[in-house]
Amino acid sequence: MRKGINAKRILSSFTLVVLAITLSGCVYLRLLNFKNQLTDFERNVTIEAPPGLSFSFNNPVVRGSDLTFVTNSKPTLTSSIATDPNIELWTWRFEKQRAEPHHKSYSVNFQTRLESGLLTNMIIDDPFVDLIGRNFILKMFHSVGDAKINTFRRSISASMDKGALDDVSCPTLAKIIDAMGKPTRTLETPNAQNQHIDCEYVFNFLNPKNQKRAGQFKLIFKADPLHPETPVTGFKITGKGR
């Protein structure tokens, strides 16, 4: 009798796992397809003219339901633009995770435009563009094409060093700290030849319904601690859902 119950439980668990893989597999395939599109950035993405910075995806593949699946949450704000076809603007607000309560707060908004359920545009927060720099952010998006995806952790990571940033005007550490406040965490790497620190800024997206964390991205800036007025020498970006 006991063995029979265990067998049923095992069968039920196996069925649930298979269903979960089946249901989520399409999501990850679409996200992987989107990542691969970014490797051929010029062909698949149109950059809107200044002011500001927005991307139009020439071959939409990601669905709005994919975004809510990964975060298990609705966006911070939803606005209806048109009904035929159905066009919506979703705003996702990410708040800096402060190391100490008295540290300066900072938030970044990302707007995603969906047409008939497909992600067609992304708009980056103007203050963030002004701070980090238009070309620096473009480099970030280019790097996502070569990013590593961890489906188990629902995460993605990409990085770029000084050599790949030679043609880009990078922000200084002093400017970043002045605008964003102190980082969530600072890691110092003493090295006689190349001393630097990693300033890690953690940004959390909170489910607007229950205020639980539903998404997160981290920006790690590599900089010279002795010369904060000089441009950062590299960055790493990671992101994950709930």
Protein backbone atom coordinates (compact mmCIF):
# COMPACT_ATOMS: atom_id res chain seq x y z
CA MET A 1 0.00 0.00 0.00
CA ARG A 2 2.75 2.34 0.96
CA LYS A 3 4.67 1.53 -2.21
CA GLY A 4 1.55 2.24 -4.25
CA ILE A 5 1.19 5.69 -2.70
CA ASN A 6 4.83 6.49 -3.37
CA ALA A 7 4.48 5.33 -6.94
CA LYS A 8 1.49 7.61 -7.45
CA ARG A 9 3.37 10.51 -5.94
CA ILE A 10 6.36 9.84 -8.16
CA LEU A 11 4.12 9.63 -11.23
CA SER A 12 2.33 12.84 -10.27
CA SER A 13 5.61 14.65 -9.64
CA PHE A 14 7.04 13.42 -12.92
CA THR A 15 3.92 14.59 -14.77
CA LEU A 16 4.16 18.03 -13.18
CA VAL A 17 7.83 18.32 -14.09
CA VAL A 18 7.12 17.33 -17.71
CA LEU A 19 4.28 19.85 -17.89
CA ALA A 20 6.48 22.56 -16.39
CA ILE A 21 9.23 21.86 -18.90
CA THR A 22 6.72 21.82 -21.75
CA LEU A 23 5.04 25.05 -20.71
CA SER A 24 8.22 26.96 -19.94
CA GLY A 25 10.32 25.49 -22.73
CA CYS A 26 8.64 27.63 -25.38
CA VAL A 27 9.31 30.71 -23.27
CA TYR A 28 13.01 30.01 -23.02
CA LEU A 29 13.24 29.13 -26.70
CA ARG A 30 11.76 32.51 -27.57
CA LEU A 31 14.10 34.29 -25.16
CA LEU A 32 17.04 32.38 -26.62
CA ASN A 33 15.89 33.36 -30.09
CA PHE A 34 15.76 36.99 -28.95
CA LYS A 35 19.27 36.76 -27.49
CA ASN A 36 20.54 35.29 -30.73
CA GLN A 37 18.94 38.14 -32.65
CA LEU A 38 21.07 40.57 -30.64
CA THR A 39 24.23 38.93 -31.98
CA ASP A 40 23.21 40.40 -35.35
CA PHE A 41 22.22 43.69 -33.76
CA GLU A 42 22.19 45.92 -36.84
CA ARG A 43 19.91 43.56 -38.74
CA ASN A 44 17.36 42.89 -36.01
CA VAL A 45 17.29 46.12 -34.01
CA THR A 46 16.54 49.67 -35.11
CA ILE A 47 17.80 52.40 -32.82
CA GLU A 48 15.48 55.36 -32.65
CA ALA A 49 16.97 58.81 -33.17
CA PRO A 50 17.78 61.05 -30.18
CA PRO A 51 16.65 62.46 -27.84
CA GLY A 52 16.44 59.50 -25.51
CA LEU A 53 17.15 55.92 -26.43
CA SER A 54 14.70 53.32 -27.66
CA PHE A 55 14.99 50.11 -29.60
CA SER A 56 12.60 48.72 -32.19
CA PHE A 57 12.78 44.98 -32.72
CA ASN A 58 12.44 44.27 -36.42
CA ASN A 59 11.49 40.62 -35.98
CA PRO A 60 9.44 40.45 -32.76
CA VAL A 61 9.57 37.09 -31.04
CA VAL A 62 9.16 37.75 -27.30
CA ARG A 63 5.61 37.88 -25.99
CA GLY A 64 4.25 39.92 -23.14
CA SER A 65 3.23 36.66 -21.50
CA ASP A 66 6.91 35.64 -21.53
CA LEU A 67 7.81 38.71 -19.45
CA THR A 68 5.07 38.02 -16.92
CA PHE A 69 6.05 34.34 -16.83
CA VAL A 70 9.69 35.10 -16.02
CA THR A 71 8.77 37.65 -13.33
CA ASN A 72 5.53 36.00 -12.20
CA SER A 73 4.23 39.54 -12.01
CA LYS A 74 2.44 42.26 -13.91
CA PRO A 75 4.46 45.39 -14.79
CA THR A 76 4.53 48.41 -12.50
CA LEU A 77 2.19 50.30 -14.82
CA THR A 78 0.20 49.41 -17.93
CA SER A 79 -1.14 51.95 -20.42
CA SER A 80 -3.38 51.25 -23.41
CA ILE A 81 -2.40 53.11 -26.58
CA ALA A 82 -4.73 51.53 -29.14
CA THR A 83 -7.25 48.72 -29.37
CA ASP A 84 -7.18 47.73 -33.04
CA PRO A 85 -4.57 46.44 -33.17
CA ASN A 86 -4.06 46.13 -29.43
CA ILE A 87 -1.05 48.26 -28.41
CA GLU A 88 0.07 48.64 -24.81
CA LEU A 89 2.93 50.33 -23.01
CA TRP A 90 4.26 48.47 -19.97
CA THR A 91 6.49 50.24 -17.45
CA TRP A 92 8.89 48.25 -15.26
CA ARG A 93 10.42 50.22 -12.37
CA PHE A 94 13.63 48.87 -10.83
CA GLU A 95 14.66 50.27 -7.43
CA LYS A 96 18.25 50.32 -6.23
CA GLN A 97 18.89 47.99 -3.32
CA ARG A 98 20.50 50.21 -0.71
CA ALA A 99 23.25 48.83 1.49
CA GLU A 100 22.16 51.19 4.29
CA PRO A 101 18.74 52.82 4.80
CA HIS A 102 20.25 56.30 4.72
CA HIS A 103 21.93 55.77 1.34
CA LYS A 104 20.54 57.64 -1.64
CA SER A 105 17.69 55.95 -3.48
CA TYR A 106 17.70 55.57 -7.26
CA SER A 107 15.37 53.91 -9.74
CA VAL A 108 15.44 53.01 -13.43
CA ASN A 109 12.36 52.67 -15.62
CA PHE A 110 12.13 50.47 -18.69
CA GLN A 111 9.14 50.77 -20.98
CA THR A 112 8.13 47.92 -23.25
CA ARG A 113 5.71 48.43 -26.11
CA LEU A 114 3.59 45.44 -27.05
CA GLU A 115 1.63 45.13 -30.27
CA SER A 116 -0.83 42.25 -30.46
CA GLY A 117 1.02 40.67 -27.54
CA LEU A 118 4.51 40.88 -29.06
CA LEU A 119 7.41 42.98 -27.75
CA THR A 120 8.17 45.51 -30.48
CA ASN A 121 9.95 48.36 -28.66
CA MET A 122 11.92 49.09 -25.52
CA ILE A 123 12.49 52.59 -24.17
CA ILE A 124 15.27 53.36 -21.70
CA ASP A 125 14.78 55.89 -18.91
CA ASP A 126 16.13 59.31 -20.02
CA PRO A 127 17.97 60.12 -16.73
CA PHE A 128 19.73 56.74 -16.93
CA VAL A 129 20.74 57.39 -20.55
CA ASP A 130 22.08 60.83 -19.60
CA LEU A 131 24.10 59.33 -16.75
CA ILE A 132 25.56 56.21 -18.36
CA GLY A 133 25.73 57.46 -21.90
CA ARG A 134 23.88 56.44 -25.04
CA ASN A 135 26.79 54.58 -26.64
CA PHE A 136 27.73 52.85 -23.40
CA ILE A 137 24.19 51.44 -23.11
CA LEU A 138 24.33 50.35 -26.75
CA LYS A 139 27.50 48.42 -25.92
CA MET A 140 25.62 46.77 -23.06
CA PHE A 141 22.86 45.62 -25.40
CA HIS A 142 25.40 44.40 -27.95
CA SER A 143 27.06 42.34 -25.21
CA VAL A 144 23.79 40.60 -24.39
CA GLY A 145 24.06 38.80 -27.72
CA ASP A 146 27.06 36.93 -26.31
CA ALA A 147 25.55 36.56 -22.84
CA LYS A 148 25.45 33.34 -20.88
CA ILE A 149 22.02 32.01 -19.95
CA ASN A 150 21.35 29.87 -16.89
CA THR A 151 17.87 28.41 -17.34
CA PHE A 152 17.92 26.78 -13.88
CA ARG A 153 18.47 30.13 -12.17
CA ARG A 154 16.47 32.06 -14.77
CA SER A 155 19.47 34.36 -15.17
CA ILE A 156 21.61 35.95 -17.89
CA SER A 157 25.01 37.62 -17.65
CA ALA A 158 27.26 39.62 -19.98
CA SER A 159 30.44 41.61 -19.54
CA MET A 160 32.82 43.88 -21.42
CA ASP A 161 36.32 45.05 -20.60
CA LYS A 162 38.27 48.19 -21.35
CA GLY A 163 39.54 46.95 -24.71
CA ALA A 164 36.00 46.71 -26.07
CA LEU A 165 35.11 50.15 -24.74
CA ASP A 166 37.94 52.13 -26.37
CA ASP A 167 35.58 53.80 -28.85
CA VAL A 168 32.97 54.66 -26.19
CA SER A 169 32.79 57.64 -23.84
CA CYS A 170 32.40 55.89 -20.49
CA PRO A 171 30.99 57.52 -17.35
CA THR A 172 33.29 58.19 -14.43
CA LEU A 173 32.92 56.48 -11.09
CA ALA A 174 32.46 59.87 -9.42
CA LYS A 175 29.55 60.74 -11.75
CA ILE A 176 27.87 57.37 -11.19
CA ILE A 177 28.10 57.63 -7.39
CA ASP A 178 26.92 61.24 -7.42
CA ALA A 179 23.77 60.30 -9.34
CA MET A 180 23.04 56.78 -8.06
CA GLY A 181 24.42 57.13 -4.57
CA LYS A 182 26.66 54.57 -2.93
CA PRO A 183 26.66 51.12 -4.53
CA THR A 184 24.91 48.15 -3.02
CA ARG A 185 28.27 46.47 -2.59
CA THR A 186 31.92 47.29 -3.27
CA LEU A 187 34.56 44.66 -3.90
CA GLU A 188 38.17 45.74 -3.80
CA THR A 189 40.76 43.82 -5.78
CA PRO A 190 44.27 44.84 -4.72
CA ASN A 191 46.75 44.24 -7.48
CA ALA A 192 50.18 45.80 -7.76
CA GLN A 193 49.82 46.16 -11.50
CA ASN A 194 46.13 46.91 -11.93
CA GLN A 195 44.33 47.94 -8.77
CA HIS A 196 40.59 48.32 -9.19
CA ILE A 197 37.26 48.03 -7.42
CA ASP A 198 33.97 46.55 -8.53
CA CYS A 199 31.02 48.77 -7.66
CA GLU A 200 27.91 46.62 -7.73
CA TYR A 201 24.51 48.27 -8.08
CA VAL A 202 21.60 45.88 -7.53
CA PHE A 203 18.19 46.89 -8.90
CA ASN A 204 15.01 45.06 -7.94
CA PHE A 205 11.65 45.00 -9.66
CA LEU A 206 8.88 44.55 -7.11
CA ASN A 207 5.57 42.90 -7.84
CA PRO A 208 3.11 45.85 -7.64
CA LYS A 209 0.49 43.60 -6.02
CA ASN A 210 2.49 42.25 -3.04
CA GLN A 211 5.79 44.19 -3.22
CA LYS A 212 7.79 40.96 -3.38
CA ARG A 213 10.87 40.85 -5.59
CA ALA A 214 9.90 39.67 -9.06
CA GLY A 215 13.01 40.54 -11.03
CA GLN A 216 16.53 41.82 -10.60
CA PHE A 217 19.48 43.12 -12.54
CA LYS A 218 22.97 44.02 -11.40
CA LEU A 219 25.38 46.52 -12.87
CA ILE A 220 29.00 46.09 -11.86
CA PHE A 221 31.34 48.91 -12.83
CA LYS A 222 35.10 48.33 -12.77
CA ALA A 223 36.99 51.45 -11.75
CA ASP A 224 40.24 52.81 -10.37
CA PRO A 225 39.61 53.66 -6.68
CA LEU A 226 42.52 56.11 -6.63
CA HIS A 227 41.19 58.11 -9.58
CA PRO A 228 37.35 58.22 -9.43
CA GLU A 229 37.30 61.09 -11.93
CA THR A 230 38.58 58.80 -14.68
CA PRO A 231 36.16 56.69 -16.80
CA VAL A 232 35.23 53.21 -15.64
CA THR A 233 37.30 50.47 -17.24
CA GLY A 234 34.65 47.81 -17.74
CA PHE A 235 31.27 46.52 -16.71
CA LYS A 236 29.28 43.38 -16.11
CA ILE A 237 25.52 43.09 -16.26
CA THR A 238 23.41 40.25 -14.95
CA GLY A 239 19.66 39.81 -14.81
CA LYS A 240 17.21 37.26 -13.52
CA GLY A 241 13.54 36.72 -12.90
CA ARG A 242 11.96 36.27 -9.48
